[in-house]
PDB file of N, CA and C in Angstrom:
ATOM      1  N   MET A   1      83.609  80.996  49.064  1.00  0.00           N
ATOM      2  CA  MET A   1      83.200  81.458  47.731  1.00  0.00           C
ATOM      3  C   MET A   1      81.676  81.211  47.416  1.00  0.00           C
ATOM      4  N   PHE A   2      81.196  80.152  48.006  1.00  0.00           N
ATOM      5  CA  PHE A   2      79.771  79.917  47.925  1.00  0.00           C
ATOM      6  C   PHE A   2      78.948  81.085  48.372  1.00  0.00           C
ATOM      7  N   PHE A   3      79.302  81.618  49.557  1.00  0.00           N
ATOM      8  CA  PHE A   3      78.424  82.669  50.110  1.00  0.00           C
ATOM      9  C   PHE A   3      78.582  83.967  49.319  1.00  0.00           C
ATOM     10  N   ILE A   4      79.690  84.219  48.849  1.00  0.00           N
ATOM     11  CA  ILE A   4      79.980  85.390  48.047  1.00  0.00           C
ATOM     12  C   ILE A   4      79.109  85.305  46.812  1.00  0.00           C
ATOM     13  N   LYS A   5      79.148  84.133  46.154  1.00  0.00           N
ATOM     14  CA  LYS A   5      78.236  83.915  44.917  1.00  0.00           C
ATOM     15  C   LYS A   5      76.772  84.264  45.205  1.00  0.00           C
ATOM     16  N   LEU A   6      76.387  83.663  46.370  1.00  0.00           N
ATOM     17  CA  LEU A   6      74.923  83.873  46.774  1.00  0.00           C
ATOM     18  C   LEU A   6      74.630  85.258  46.968  1.00  0.00           C
ATOM     19  N   LEU A   7      75.533  86.024  47.698  1.00  0.00           N
ATOM     20  CA  LEU A   7      75.272  87.422  47.862  1.00  0.00           C
ATOM     21  C   LEU A   7      75.280  88.190  46.609  1.00  0.00           C
ATOM     22  N   ILE A   8      76.145  87.963  45.759  1.00  0.00           N
ATOM     23  CA  ILE A   8      76.182  88.576  44.494  1.00  0.00           C
ATOM     24  C   ILE A   8      74.928  88.391  43.681  1.00  0.00           C
ATOM     25  N   LEU A   9      74.584  87.127  43.549  1.00  0.00           N
ATOM     26  CA  LEU A   9      73.311  86.862  42.875  1.00  0.00           C
ATOM     27  C   LEU A   9      72.077  87.368  43.456  1.00  0.00           C
ATOM     28  N   SER A  10      72.074  87.431  44.853  1.00  0.00           N
ATOM     29  CA  SER A  10      70.904  88.040  45.567  1.00  0.00           C
ATOM     30  C   SER A  10      70.832  89.555  45.385  1.00  0.00           C
ATOM     31  N   LEU A  11      72.031  90.189  45.342  1.00  0.00           N
ATOM     32  CA  LEU A  11      72.071  91.663  44.960  1.00  0.00           C
ATOM     33  C   LEU A  11      71.509  91.891  43.558  1.00  0.00           C
ATOM     34  N   THR A  12      71.935  90.871  42.689  1.00  0.00           N
ATOM     35  CA  THR A  12      71.413  91.062  41.180  1.00  0.00           C
ATOM     36  C   THR A  12      69.978  90.930  41.153  1.00  0.00           C
ATOM     37  N   VAL A  13      69.455  89.919  41.904  1.00  0.00           N
ATOM     38  CA  VAL A  13      67.965  89.700  41.942  1.00  0.00           C
ATOM     39  C   VAL A  13      67.320  91.013  42.459  1.00  0.00           C
ATOM     40  N   GLU A  14      67.824  91.598  43.547  1.00  0.00           N
ATOM     41  CA  GLU A  14      67.215  92.715  44.091  1.00  0.00           C
ATOM     42  C   GLU A  14      67.329  93.886  43.207  1.00  0.00           C
ATOM     43  N   SER A  15      68.452  94.102  42.482  1.00  0.00           N
ATOM     44  CA  SER A  15      68.668  95.227  41.570  1.00  0.00           C
ATOM     45  C   SER A  15      67.624  95.147  40.296  1.00  0.00           C
ATOM     46  N   VAL A  16      67.561  93.949  39.856  1.00  0.00           N
ATOM     47  CA  VAL A  16      66.769  93.769  38.576  1.00  0.00           C
ATOM     48  C   VAL A  16      65.234  93.874  38.973  1.00  0.00           C
ATOM     49  N   THR A  17      64.843  93.482  40.143  1.00  0.00           N
ATOM     50  CA  THR A  17      63.566  93.536  40.729  1.00  0.00           C
ATOM     51  C   THR A  17      63.203  95.110  40.763  1.00  0.00           C
ATOM     52  N   GLU A  18      64.108  95.837  41.448  1.00  0.00           N
ATOM     53  CA  GLU A  18      63.808  97.224  41.628  1.00  0.00           C
ATOM     54  C   GLU A  18      63.849  97.995  40.264  1.00  0.00           C
ATOM     55  N   LEU A  19      64.591  97.594  39.306  1.00  0.00           N
ATOM     56  CA  LEU A  19      64.568  98.206  38.009  1.00  0.00           C
ATOM     57  C   LEU A  19      63.122  97.970  37.360  1.00  0.00           C
ATOM     58  N   PHE A  20      62.677  96.811  37.399  1.00  0.00           N
ATOM     59  CA  PHE A  20      61.318  96.404  36.918  1.00  0.00           C
ATOM     60  C   PHE A  20      60.287  97.084  37.530  1.00  0.00           C
ATOM     61  N   THR A  21      60.201  97.146  38.894  1.00  0.00           N
ATOM     62  CA  THR A  21      59.068  97.592  39.546  1.00  0.00           C
ATOM     63  C   THR A  21      59.033  99.064  39.936  1.00  0.00           C
ATOM     64  N   LYS A  22      60.221  99.727  39.961  1.00  0.00           N
ATOM     65  CA  LYS A  22      60.278 101.132  40.445  1.00  0.00           C
ATOM     66  C   LYS A  22      60.951 102.092  39.515  1.00  0.00           C
ATOM     67  N   SER A  23      61.742 101.765  38.569  1.00  0.00           N
ATOM     68  CA  SER A  23      62.629 102.638  37.799  1.00  0.00           C
ATOM     69  C   SER A  23      61.867 103.500  36.828  1.00  0.00           C
ATOM     70  N   ILE A  24      62.521 104.693  36.526  1.00  0.00           N
ATOM     71  CA  ILE A  24      61.903 105.454  35.396  1.00  0.00           C
ATOM     72  C   ILE A  24      62.136 104.781  34.081  1.00  0.00           C
ATOM     73  N   PHE A  25      63.198 103.960  33.855  1.00  0.00           N
ATOM     74  CA  PHE A  25      63.374 103.344  32.611  1.00  0.00           C
ATOM     75  C   PHE A  25      62.231 102.468  32.102  1.00  0.00           C
ATOM     76  N   PHE A  26      61.744 101.646  33.121  1.00  0.00           N
ATOM     77  CA  PHE A  26      60.543 100.700  32.773  1.00  0.00           C
ATOM     78  C   PHE A  26      59.185 101.420  33.092  1.00  0.00           C
ATOM     79  N   TYR A  27      59.138 102.737  33.346  1.00  0.00           N
ATOM     80  CA  TYR A  27      57.908 103.344  33.673  1.00  0.00           C
ATOM     81  C   TYR A  27      56.880 103.183  32.517  1.00  0.00           C
ATOM     82  N   PRO A  28      57.368 103.577  31.180  1.00  0.00           N
ATOM     83  CA  PRO A  28      56.503 103.467  30.063  1.00  0.00           C
ATOM     84  C   PRO A  28      55.904 101.997  29.942  1.00  0.00           C
ATOM     85  N   LEU A  29      56.638 100.975  30.084  1.00  0.00           N
ATOM     86  CA  LEU A  29      56.161  99.670  30.016  1.00  0.00           C
ATOM     87  C   LEU A  29      55.182  99.422  31.115  1.00  0.00           C
ATOM     88  N   ARG A  30      55.471  99.789  32.369  1.00  0.00           N
ATOM     89  CA  ARG A  30      54.437  99.589  33.421  1.00  0.00           C
ATOM     90  C   ARG A  30      53.178 100.313  33.082  1.00  0.00           C
ATOM     91  N   LYS A  31      53.304 101.585  32.567  1.00  0.00           N
ATOM     92  CA  LYS A  31      52.092 102.388  32.312  1.00  0.00           C
ATOM     93  C   LYS A  31      51.281 101.721  31.188  1.00  0.00           C
ATOM     94  N   LEU A  32      51.956 101.134  30.237  1.00  0.00           N
ATOM     95  CA  LEU A  32      51.353 100.447  29.099  1.00  0.00           C
ATOM     96  C   LEU A  32      50.510  99.218  29.663  1.00  0.00           C
ATOM     97  N   LEU A  33      51.232  98.435  30.515  1.00  0.00           N
ATOM     98  CA  LEU A  33      50.534  97.281  31.131  1.00  0.00           C
ATOM     99  C   LEU A  33      49.461  97.643  31.997  1.00  0.00           C
ATOM    100  N   PHE A  34      49.540  98.673  32.753  1.00  0.00           N
ATOM    101  CA  PHE A  34      48.497  99.077  33.707  1.00  0.00           C
ATOM    102  C   PHE A  34      47.235  99.636  32.917  1.00  0.00           C
ATOM    103  N   LYS A  35      47.403 100.149  31.727  1.00  0.00           N
ATOM    104  CA  LYS A  35      46.251 100.405  30.951  1.00  0.00           C
ATOM    105  C   LYS A  35      45.579  99.387  30.297  1.00  0.00           C
ATOM    106  N   GLY A  36      46.280  98.296  30.024  1.00  0.00           N
ATOM    107  CA  GLY A  36      45.737  97.106  29.389  1.00  0.00           C
ATOM    108  C   GLY A  36      45.186  96.008  30.286  1.00  0.00           C
ATOM    109  N   LYS A  37      44.472  96.490  31.291  1.00  0.00           N
ATOM    110  CA  LYS A  37      44.075  95.490  32.319  1.00  0.00           C
ATOM    111  C   LYS A  37      42.999  94.513  31.828  1.00  0.00           C
ATOM    112  N   LYS A  38      42.345  94.816  30.720  1.00  0.00           N
ATOM    113  CA  LYS A  38      41.367  93.899  30.066  1.00  0.00           C
ATOM    114  C   LYS A  38      42.093  92.659  29.425  1.00  0.00           C
ATOM    115  N   ASN A  39      43.203  92.786  29.091  1.00  0.00           N
ATOM    116  CA  ASN A  39      43.966  91.691  28.444  1.00  0.00           C
ATOM    117  C   ASN A  39      44.526  90.942  29.566  1.00  0.00           C
ATOM    118  N   VAL A  40      44.367  89.565  29.470  1.00  0.00           N
ATOM    119  CA  VAL A  40      44.791  88.577  30.563  1.00  0.00           C
ATOM    120  C   VAL A  40      46.334  88.748  30.780  1.00  0.00           C
ATOM    121  N   ILE A  41      47.080  88.882  29.699  1.00  0.00           N
ATOM    122  CA  ILE A  41      48.603  88.862  29.778  1.00  0.00           C
ATOM    123  C   ILE A  41      48.885  90.200  30.494  1.00  0.00           C
ATOM    124  N   CYS A  42      48.355  91.351  30.045  1.00  0.00           N
ATOM    125  CA  CYS A  42      48.663  92.540  30.668  1.00  0.00           C
ATOM    126  C   CYS A  42      48.230  92.509  32.107  1.00  0.00           C
ATOM    127  N   LEU A  43      47.099  92.050  32.483  1.00  0.00           N
ATOM    128  CA  LEU A  43      46.693  91.931  33.809  1.00  0.00           C
ATOM    129  C   LEU A  43      47.702  91.134  34.598  1.00  0.00           C
ATOM    130  N   PHE A  44      48.188  90.011  34.136  1.00  0.00           N
ATOM    131  CA  PHE A  44      49.195  89.238  34.922  1.00  0.00           C
ATOM    132  C   PHE A  44      50.395  89.979  35.079  1.00  0.00           C
ATOM    133  N   LEU A  45      50.913  90.569  34.034  1.00  0.00           N
ATOM    134  CA  LEU A  45      52.231  91.288  34.063  1.00  0.00           C
ATOM    135  C   LEU A  45      52.018  92.583  34.988  1.00  0.00           C
ATOM    136  N   HIS A  46      50.839  93.174  34.966  1.00  0.00           N
ATOM    137  CA  HIS A  46      50.535  94.236  35.898  1.00  0.00           C
ATOM    138  C   HIS A  46      50.651  93.864  37.205  1.00  0.00           C
ATOM    139  N   SER A  47      50.003  92.719  37.580  1.00  0.00           N
ATOM    140  CA  SER A  47      49.962  92.155  38.969  1.00  0.00           C
ATOM    141  C   SER A  47      51.392  91.851  39.386  1.00  0.00           C
ATOM    142  N   LEU A  48      52.130  91.332  38.444  1.00  0.00           N
ATOM    143  CA  LEU A  48      53.614  90.900  38.698  1.00  0.00           C
ATOM    144  C   LEU A  48      54.476  92.139  39.109  1.00  0.00           C
ATOM    145  N   LEU A  49      54.298  93.266  38.179  1.00  0.00           N
ATOM    146  CA  LEU A  49      55.151  94.380  38.346  1.00  0.00           C
ATOM    147  C   LEU A  49      54.718  95.274  39.456  1.00  0.00           C
ATOM    148  N   ASP A  50      53.478  95.114  39.944  1.00  0.00           N
ATOM    149  CA  ASP A  50      52.954  95.819  41.060  1.00  0.00           C
ATOM    150  C   ASP A  50      53.311  95.375  42.469  1.00  0.00           C
ATOM    151  N   CYS A  51      54.001  94.132  42.299  1.00  0.00           N
ATOM    152  CA  CYS A  51      54.402  93.438  43.645  1.00  0.00           C
ATOM    153  C   CYS A  51      55.963  93.120  43.491  1.00  0.00           C
ATOM    154  N   GLY A  52      56.734  93.797  44.207  1.00  0.00           N
ATOM    155  CA  GLY A  52      58.239  93.477  44.163  1.00  0.00           C
ATOM    156  C   GLY A  52      58.565  92.077  44.692  1.00  0.00           C
ATOM    157  N   TYR A  53      57.748  91.697  45.701  1.00  0.00           N
ATOM    158  CA  TYR A  53      57.924  90.349  46.232  1.00  0.00           C
ATOM    159  C   TYR A  53      57.756  89.299  45.082  1.00  0.00           C
ATOM    160  N   CYS A  54      56.735  89.500  44.358  1.00  0.00           N
ATOM    161  CA  CYS A  54      56.275  88.507  43.229  1.00  0.00           C
ATOM    162  C   CYS A  54      57.364  88.596  42.208  1.00  0.00           C
ATOM    163  N   THR A  55      57.756  89.795  41.821  1.00  0.00           N
ATOM    164  CA  THR A  55      58.789  89.956  40.695  1.00  0.00           C
ATOM    165  C   THR A  55      59.953  89.317  41.109  1.00  0.00           C
ATOM    166  N   SER A  56      60.362  89.424  42.321  1.00  0.00           N
ATOM    167  CA  SER A  56      61.716  88.725  42.786  1.00  0.00           C
ATOM    168  C   SER A  56      61.697  87.209  42.563  1.00  0.00           C
ATOM    169  N   VAL A  57      60.516  86.658  42.778  1.00  0.00           N
ATOM    170  CA  VAL A  57      60.443  85.161  42.499  1.00  0.00           C
ATOM    171  C   VAL A  57      60.746  84.856  41.051  1.00  0.00           C
ATOM    172  N   TRP A  58      60.124  85.557  40.110  1.00  0.00           N
ATOM    173  CA  TRP A  58      60.295  85.371  38.724  1.00  0.00           C
ATOM    174  C   TRP A  58      61.779  85.660  38.237  1.00  0.00           C
ATOM    175  N   VAL A  59      62.335  86.827  38.825  1.00  0.00           N
ATOM    176  CA  VAL A  59      63.689  87.142  38.551  1.00  0.00           C
ATOM    177  C   VAL A  59      64.628  86.153  39.008  1.00  0.00           C
ATOM    178  N   SER A  60      64.384  85.576  40.167  1.00  0.00           N
ATOM    179  CA  SER A  60      65.244  84.474  40.742  1.00  0.00           C
ATOM    180  C   SER A  60      65.225  83.219  39.961  1.00  0.00           C
ATOM    181  N   MET A  61      63.982  82.984  39.413  1.00  0.00           N
ATOM    182  CA  MET A  61      63.822  81.744  38.627  1.00  0.00           C
ATOM    183  C   MET A  61      64.714  81.958  37.338  1.00  0.00           C
ATOM    184  N   PHE A  62      64.630  83.211  36.606  1.00  0.00           N
ATOM    185  CA  PHE A  62      65.326  83.380  35.516  1.00  0.00           C
ATOM    186  C   PHE A  62      66.909  83.403  35.730  1.00  0.00           C
ATOM    187  N   ILE A  63      67.398  84.056  36.754  1.00  0.00           N
ATOM    188  CA  ILE A  63      68.817  84.065  36.976  1.00  0.00           C
ATOM    189  C   ILE A  63      69.292  82.652  37.394  1.00  0.00           C
ATOM    190  N   SER A  64      68.461  81.965  38.151  1.00  0.00           N
ATOM    191  CA  SER A  64      68.881  80.607  38.597  1.00  0.00           C
ATOM    192  C   SER A  64      69.219  79.642  37.425  1.00  0.00           C
ATOM    193  N   ILE A  65      68.566  79.786  36.286  1.00  0.00           N
ATOM    194  CA  ILE A  65      68.837  79.101  35.158  1.00  0.00           C
ATOM    195  C   ILE A  65      70.218  79.051  34.776  1.00  0.00           C
ATOM    196  N   PHE A  66      70.801  80.215  34.764  1.00  0.00           N
ATOM    197  CA  PHE A  66      72.244  80.286  34.360  1.00  0.00           C
ATOM    198  C   PHE A  66      73.315  79.905  35.395  1.00  0.00           C
ATOM    199  N   PHE A  67      72.894  79.842  36.685  1.00  0.00           N
ATOM    200  CA  PHE A  67      73.850  79.594  37.743  1.00  0.00           C
ATOM    201  C   PHE A  67      73.667  78.256  38.484  1.00  0.00           C
ATOM    202  N   VAL A  68      72.677  77.553  38.045  1.00  0.00           N
ATOM    203  CA  VAL A  68      72.360  76.306  38.956  1.00  0.00           C
ATOM    204  C   VAL A  68      73.475  75.336  39.008  1.00  0.00           C
ATOM    205  N   THR A  69      74.319  75.267  37.988  1.00  0.00           N
ATOM    206  CA  THR A  69      75.448  74.261  37.936  1.00  0.00           C
ATOM    207  C   THR A  69      76.526  74.924  38.917  1.00  0.00           C
ATOM    208  N   SER A  70      76.509  76.030  39.236  1.00  0.00           N
ATOM    209  CA  SER A  70      77.630  76.566  40.058  1.00  0.00           C
ATOM    210  C   SER A  70      77.344  76.237  41.663  1.00  0.00           C
ATOM    211  N   PHE A  71      76.174  75.809  41.929  1.00  0.00           N
ATOM    212  CA  PHE A  71      75.869  75.438  43.316  1.00  0.00           C
ATOM    213  C   PHE A  71      75.497  73.914  43.404  1.00  0.00           C
ATOM    214  N   ASN A  72      76.334  73.300  44.131  1.00  0.00           N
ATOM    215  CA  ASN A  72      76.068  71.809  44.286  1.00  0.00           C
ATOM    216  C   ASN A  72      75.360  71.630  45.704  1.00  0.00           C
ATOM    217  N   LEU A  73      74.153  71.869  45.622  1.00  0.00           N
ATOM    218  CA  LEU A  73      73.254  71.805  46.921  1.00  0.00           C
ATOM    219  C   LEU A  73      72.698  70.316  47.033  1.00  0.00           C
ATOM    220  N   SER A  74      72.654  69.607  46.026  1.00  0.00           N
ATOM    221  CA  SER A  74      72.097  68.202  46.060  1.00  0.00           C
ATOM    222  C   SER A  74      72.724  67.502  44.845  1.00  0.00           C
ATOM    223  N   ASN A  75      72.301  66.266  44.689  1.00  0.00           N
ATOM    224  CA  ASN A  75      72.730  65.415  43.537  1.00  0.00           C
ATOM    225  C   ASN A  75      71.987  65.671  42.261  1.00  0.00           C
ATOM    226  N   LYS A  76      70.731  66.312  42.370  1.00  0.00           N
ATOM    227  CA  LYS A  76      69.838  66.552  41.289  1.00  0.00           C
ATOM    228  C   LYS A  76      69.873  67.989  40.804  1.00  0.00           C
ATOM    229  N   VAL A  77      70.003  68.204  39.515  1.00  0.00           N
ATOM    230  CA  VAL A  77      70.031  69.627  39.101  1.00  0.00           C
ATOM    231  C   VAL A  77      68.706  70.299  39.392  1.00  0.00           C
ATOM    232  N   ILE A  78      67.669  69.697  39.167  1.00  0.00           N
ATOM    233  CA  ILE A  78      66.258  70.174  39.250  1.00  0.00           C
ATOM    234  C   ILE A  78      66.080  70.705  40.735  1.00  0.00           C
ATOM    235  N   ILE A  79      66.580  69.888  41.679  1.00  0.00           N
ATOM    236  CA  ILE A  79      66.477  70.249  43.107  1.00  0.00           C
ATOM    237  C   ILE A  79      67.421  71.412  43.465  1.00  0.00           C
ATOM    238  N   ASN A  80      68.607  71.284  42.813  1.00  0.00           N
ATOM    239  CA  ASN A  80      69.570  72.555  42.926  1.00  0.00           C
ATOM    240  C   ASN A  80      68.874  73.816  42.440  1.00  0.00           C
ATOM    241  N   TYR A  81      68.156  73.659  41.376  1.00  0.00           N
ATOM    242  CA  TYR A  81      67.542  74.824  40.752  1.00  0.00           C
ATOM    243  C   TYR A  81      66.469  75.453  41.726  1.00  0.00           C
ATOM    244  N   PHE A  82      65.585  74.641  42.250  1.00  0.00           N
ATOM    245  CA  PHE A  82      64.586  75.152  43.102  1.00  0.00           C
ATOM    246  C   PHE A  82      65.164  75.706  44.493  1.00  0.00           C
ATOM    247  N   ILE A  83      66.102  75.009  44.966  1.00  0.00           N
ATOM    248  CA  ILE A  83      66.693  75.534  46.148  1.00  0.00           C
ATOM    249  C   ILE A  83      67.450  76.855  46.000  1.00  0.00           C
ATOM    250  N   LEU A  84      68.069  77.024  44.967  1.00  0.00           N
ATOM    251  CA  LEU A  84      68.662  78.206  44.525  1.00  0.00           C
ATOM    252  C   LEU A  84      67.652  79.342  44.312  1.00  0.00           C
ATOM    253  N   VAL A  85      66.522  79.010  43.632  1.00  0.00           N
ATOM    254  CA  VAL A  85      65.509  79.988  43.461  1.00  0.00           C
ATOM    255  C   VAL A  85      64.982  80.555  44.760  1.00  0.00           C
ATOM    256  N   PHE A  86      64.713  79.635  45.689  1.00  0.00           N
ATOM    257  CA  PHE A  86      64.161  80.134  46.979  1.00  0.00           C
ATOM    258  C   PHE A  86      65.158  80.837  47.804  1.00  0.00           C
ATOM    259  N   ILE A  87      66.402  80.406  47.825  1.00  0.00           N
ATOM    260  CA  ILE A  87      67.391  81.196  48.485  1.00  0.00           C
ATOM    261  C   ILE A  87      67.627  82.522  47.944  1.00  0.00           C
ATOM    262  N   LEU A  88      67.754  82.711  46.600  1.00  0.00           N
ATOM    263  CA  LEU A  88      67.959  83.922  46.110  1.00  0.00           C
ATOM    264  C   LEU A  88      66.719  84.849  46.302  1.00  0.00           C
ATOM    265  N   HIS A  89      65.537  84.360  46.107  1.00  0.00           N
ATOM    266  CA  HIS A  89      64.325  85.133  46.400  1.00  0.00           C
ATOM    267  C   HIS A  89      64.383  85.643  47.889  1.00  0.00           C
ATOM    268  N   ARG A  90      64.506  84.793  48.780  1.00  0.00           N
ATOM    269  CA  ARG A  90      64.544  85.283  50.211  1.00  0.00           C
ATOM    270  C   ARG A  90      65.623  86.242  50.617  1.00  0.00           C
ATOM    271  N   LEU A  91      66.843  85.831  50.083  1.00  0.00           N
ATOM    272  CA  LEU A  91      67.949  86.904  50.331  1.00  0.00           C
ATOM    273  C   LEU A  91      67.794  88.231  49.702  1.00  0.00           C
ATOM    274  N   SER A  92      67.173  88.181  48.545  1.00  0.00           N
ATOM    275  CA  SER A  92      66.945  89.568  47.863  1.00  0.00           C
ATOM    276  C   SER A  92      65.890  90.329  48.608  1.00  0.00           C
ATOM    277  N   ASN A  93      64.894  89.562  49.069  1.00  0.00           N
ATOM    278  CA  ASN A  93      63.944  90.272  49.915  1.00  0.00           C
ATOM    279  C   ASN A  93      64.391  90.805  51.226  1.00  0.00           C
ATOM    280  N   LEU A  94      65.385  90.117  51.828  1.00  0.00           N
ATOM    281  CA  LEU A  94      66.048  90.476  53.056  1.00  0.00           C
ATOM    282  C   LEU A  94      66.892  91.751  52.732  1.00  0.00           C
ATOM    283  N   ILE A  95      67.609  91.753  51.563  1.00  0.00           N
ATOM    284  CA  ILE A  95      68.312  92.942  51.141  1.00  0.00           C
ATOM    285  C   ILE A  95      67.435  94.141  51.005  1.00  0.00           C
ATOM    286  N   HIS A  96      66.250  93.792  50.338  1.00  0.00           N
ATOM    287  CA  HIS A  96      65.333  94.948  49.977  1.00  0.00           C
ATOM    288  C   HIS A  96      64.821  95.500  51.396  1.00  0.00           C
ATOM    289  N   PHE A  97      64.484  94.621  52.359  1.00  0.00           N
ATOM    290  CA  PHE A  97      64.083  95.014  53.604  1.00  0.00           C
ATOM    291  C   PHE A  97      65.044  96.041  54.358  1.00  0.00           C
ATOM    292  N   LEU A  98      66.284  95.556  54.253  1.00  0.00           N
ATOM    293  CA  LEU A  98      67.461  96.324  54.870  1.00  0.00           C
ATOM    294  C   LEU A  98      67.615  97.690  54.170  1.00  0.00           C
ATOM    295  N   ILE A  99      67.345  97.742  52.913  1.00  0.00           N
ATOM    296  CA  ILE A  99      67.585  99.042  52.196  1.00  0.00           C
ATOM    297  C   ILE A  99      66.478  99.939  52.620  1.00  0.00           C
ATOM    298  N   ASP A 100      65.172  99.445  52.759  1.00  0.00           N
ATOM    299  CA  ASP A 100      63.976 100.131  53.103  1.00  0.00           C
ATOM    300  C   ASP A 100      64.198 100.715  54.676  1.00  0.00           C
ATOM    301  N   VAL A 101      64.830  99.957  55.472  1.00  0.00           N
ATOM    302  CA  VAL A 101      65.193 100.274  56.855  1.00  0.00           C
ATOM    303  C   VAL A 101      66.038 101.440  56.840  1.00  0.00           C
ATOM    304  N   ILE A 102      67.078 101.339  56.068  1.00  0.00           N
ATOM    305  CA  ILE A 102      68.200 102.402  56.037  1.00  0.00           C
ATOM    306  C   ILE A 102      67.533 103.619  55.466  1.00  0.00           C
ATOM    307  N   LYS A 103      66.738 103.518  54.478  1.00  0.00           N
ATOM    308  CA  LYS A 103      66.021 104.689  53.818  1.00  0.00           C
ATOM    309  C   LYS A 103      65.142 105.430  54.930  1.00  0.00           C
ATOM    310  N   LEU A 104      64.391 104.586  55.692  1.00  0.00           N
ATOM    311  CA  LEU A 104      63.489 105.161  56.683  1.00  0.00           C
ATOM    312  C   LEU A 104      64.328 105.806  57.834  1.00  0.00           C
ATOM    313  N   GLN A 105      65.318 105.243  58.160  1.00  0.00           N
ATOM    314  CA  GLN A 105      66.227 105.936  59.161  1.00  0.00           C
ATOM    315  C   GLN A 105      66.725 107.232  58.676  1.00  0.00           C
ATOM    316  N   LYS A 106      67.207 107.326  57.375  1.00  0.00           N
ATOM    317  CA  LYS A 106      67.723 108.406  56.759  1.00  0.00           C
ATOM    318  C   LYS A 106      66.667 109.476  56.732  1.00  0.00           C
ATOM    319  N   GLU A 107      65.371 109.171  56.456  1.00  0.00           N
ATOM    320  CA  GLU A 107      64.326 110.077  56.404  1.00  0.00           C
ATOM    321  C   GLU A 107      64.011 110.695  57.783  1.00  0.00           C
ATOM    322  N   LYS A 108      64.188 109.824  58.708  1.00  0.00           N
ATOM    323  CA  LYS A 108      63.977 110.270  60.122  1.00  0.00           C
ATOM    324  C   LYS A 108      64.950 111.279  60.570  1.00  0.00           C
ATOM    325  N   LEU A 109      66.137 111.003  60.233  1.00  0.00           N
ATOM    326  CA  LEU A 109      67.265 111.883  60.561  1.00  0.00           C
ATOM    327  C   LEU A 109      67.181 113.259  59.919  1.00  0.00           C
ATOM    328  N   GLU A 110      66.620 113.339  58.757  1.00  0.00           N
ATOM    329  CA  GLU A 110      66.418 114.505  57.874  1.00  0.00           C
ATOM    330  C   GLU A 110      65.321 115.392  58.492  1.00  0.00           C
ATOM    331  N   LEU A 111      64.363 114.830  59.226  1.00  0.00           N
ATOM    332  CA  LEU A 111      63.248 115.609  59.760  1.00  0.00           C
ATOM    333  C   LEU A 111      63.656 116.305  60.913  1.00  0.00           C
TER     334      LEU A 111
END
Protein backbone atom coordinates (compact mmCIF):
# COMPACT_ATOMS: atom_id res chain seq x y z
CA MET A 1 0.00 0.00 0.00
CA PHE A 2 2.92 2.32 0.74
CA PHE A 3 4.19 2.26 -2.84
CA ILE A 4 0.71 2.64 -4.30
CA LYS A 5 0.21 5.79 -2.21
CA LEU A 6 3.57 7.12 -3.35
CA LEU A 7 2.75 6.40 -6.98
CA ILE A 8 -0.66 8.07 -6.77
CA LEU A 9 0.74 11.14 -5.02
CA SER A 10 3.62 11.34 -7.52
CA LEU A 11 1.16 11.21 -10.41
CA THR A 12 -0.83 13.93 -8.68
CA VAL A 13 2.26 16.13 -8.34
CA GLU A 14 3.12 15.57 -12.00
CA SER A 15 -0.44 16.34 -13.12
CA VAL A 16 -0.74 19.53 -11.08
CA THR A 17 2.70 20.67 -12.23
CA GLU A 18 1.74 20.14 -15.87
CA LEU A 19 -1.52 22.03 -15.33
CA PHE A 20 0.30 25.04 -13.88
CA THR A 21 3.19 25.12 -16.35
CA LYS A 22 1.65 24.06 -19.67
CA SER A 23 -2.16 23.99 -19.68
CA ILE A 24 -4.41 26.37 -21.57
CA PHE A 25 -6.47 26.76 -18.40
CA PHE A 26 -3.63 28.59 -16.60
CA TYR A 27 -2.35 30.37 -19.70
CA PRO A 28 -4.00 33.72 -18.78
CA LEU A 29 -2.37 33.61 -15.35
CA ARG A 30 1.03 32.77 -16.80
CA LYS A 31 0.64 35.53 -19.40
CA LEU A 32 -0.25 38.04 -16.67
CA LEU A 33 2.74 37.02 -14.57
CA PHE A 34 5.08 37.12 -17.55
CA LYS A 35 4.06 40.71 -18.28
CA GLY A 36 4.61 41.86 -14.68
CA LYS A 37 8.32 41.07 -14.53
CA LYS A 38 9.07 44.38 -12.77
CA ASN A 39 7.12 43.24 -9.71
CA VAL A 40 9.20 40.98 -7.43
CA ILE A 41 6.31 38.60 -6.74
CA CYS A 42 5.41 38.34 -10.43
CA LEU A 43 9.07 37.75 -11.27
CA PHE A 44 9.28 34.96 -8.69
CA LEU A 45 6.05 33.32 -9.89
CA HIS A 46 7.14 33.72 -13.52
CA SER A 47 10.42 31.96 -12.74
CA LEU A 48 8.54 29.26 -10.88
CA LEU A 49 5.99 28.58 -13.61
CA ASP A 50 8.63 28.75 -16.32
CA CYS A 51 10.39 25.75 -14.78
CA GLY A 52 8.45 22.51 -14.35
CA TYR A 53 11.21 21.10 -12.18
CA CYS A 54 10.92 24.08 -9.80
CA THR A 55 7.13 23.99 -9.78
CA SER A 56 7.10 20.31 -8.87
CA VAL A 57 9.10 21.07 -5.70
CA TRP A 58 6.47 23.55 -4.54
CA VAL A 59 3.57 21.30 -5.55
CA SER A 60 5.23 18.42 -3.64
CA MET A 61 5.59 20.64 -0.58
CA PHE A 62 1.92 21.60 -0.71
CA ILE A 63 0.60 18.07 -1.27
CA SER A 64 2.89 16.61 1.41
CA ILE A 65 1.28 18.80 4.05
CA PHE A 66 -1.92 16.78 3.72
CA PHE A 67 -0.37 13.32 3.52
CA VAL A 68 2.67 13.44 5.80
CA THR A 69 0.93 11.49 8.56
CA SER A 70 0.13 8.67 6.10
CA PHE A 71 3.82 7.81 5.76
CA ASN A 72 5.80 6.64 8.73
CA LEU A 73 9.31 7.16 7.41
CA SER A 74 10.81 8.28 10.72
CA ASN A 75 9.78 9.12 14.30
CA LYS A 76 9.53 12.85 13.58
CA VAL A 77 6.74 14.42 11.54
CA ILE A 78 8.98 17.19 10.19
CA ILE A 79 11.51 14.65 8.92
CA ASN A 80 8.68 12.61 7.39
CA TYR A 81 7.48 15.77 5.67
CA PHE A 82 10.79 16.60 4.01
CA ILE A 83 11.47 13.00 3.02
CA LEU A 84 8.03 12.82 1.44
CA VAL A 85 8.57 16.12 -0.39
CA PHE A 86 11.83 14.92 -1.90
CA ILE A 87 10.45 11.50 -2.83
CA LEU A 88 7.34 12.96 -4.49
CA HIS A 89 9.38 15.59 -6.30
CA ARG A 90 11.85 13.06 -7.72
CA LEU A 91 9.22 10.47 -8.62
CA SER A 92 7.08 13.09 -10.35
CA ASN A 93 10.11 14.20 -12.36
CA LEU A 94 10.81 10.59 -13.30
CA ILE A 95 7.20 10.23 -14.46
CA HIS A 96 7.55 13.47 -16.43
CA PHE A 97 10.73 12.17 -18.06
CA LEU A 98 9.03 8.90 -19.02
CA ILE A 99 6.08 10.78 -20.52
CA ASP A 100 8.50 12.92 -22.57
CA VAL A 101 10.31 9.81 -23.82
CA ILE A 102 7.01 8.22 -24.86
CA LYS A 103 5.96 11.43 -26.66
CA LEU A 104 9.30 11.60 -28.45
CA GLN A 105 9.05 7.96 -29.55
CA LYS A 106 5.52 8.56 -30.79
CA GLU A 107 6.64 11.60 -32.78
CA LYS A 108 9.48 9.59 -34.35
CA LEU A 109 7.06 6.87 -35.39
CA GLU A 110 4.75 9.42 -37.01
CA LEU A 111 7.58 10.84 -39.14
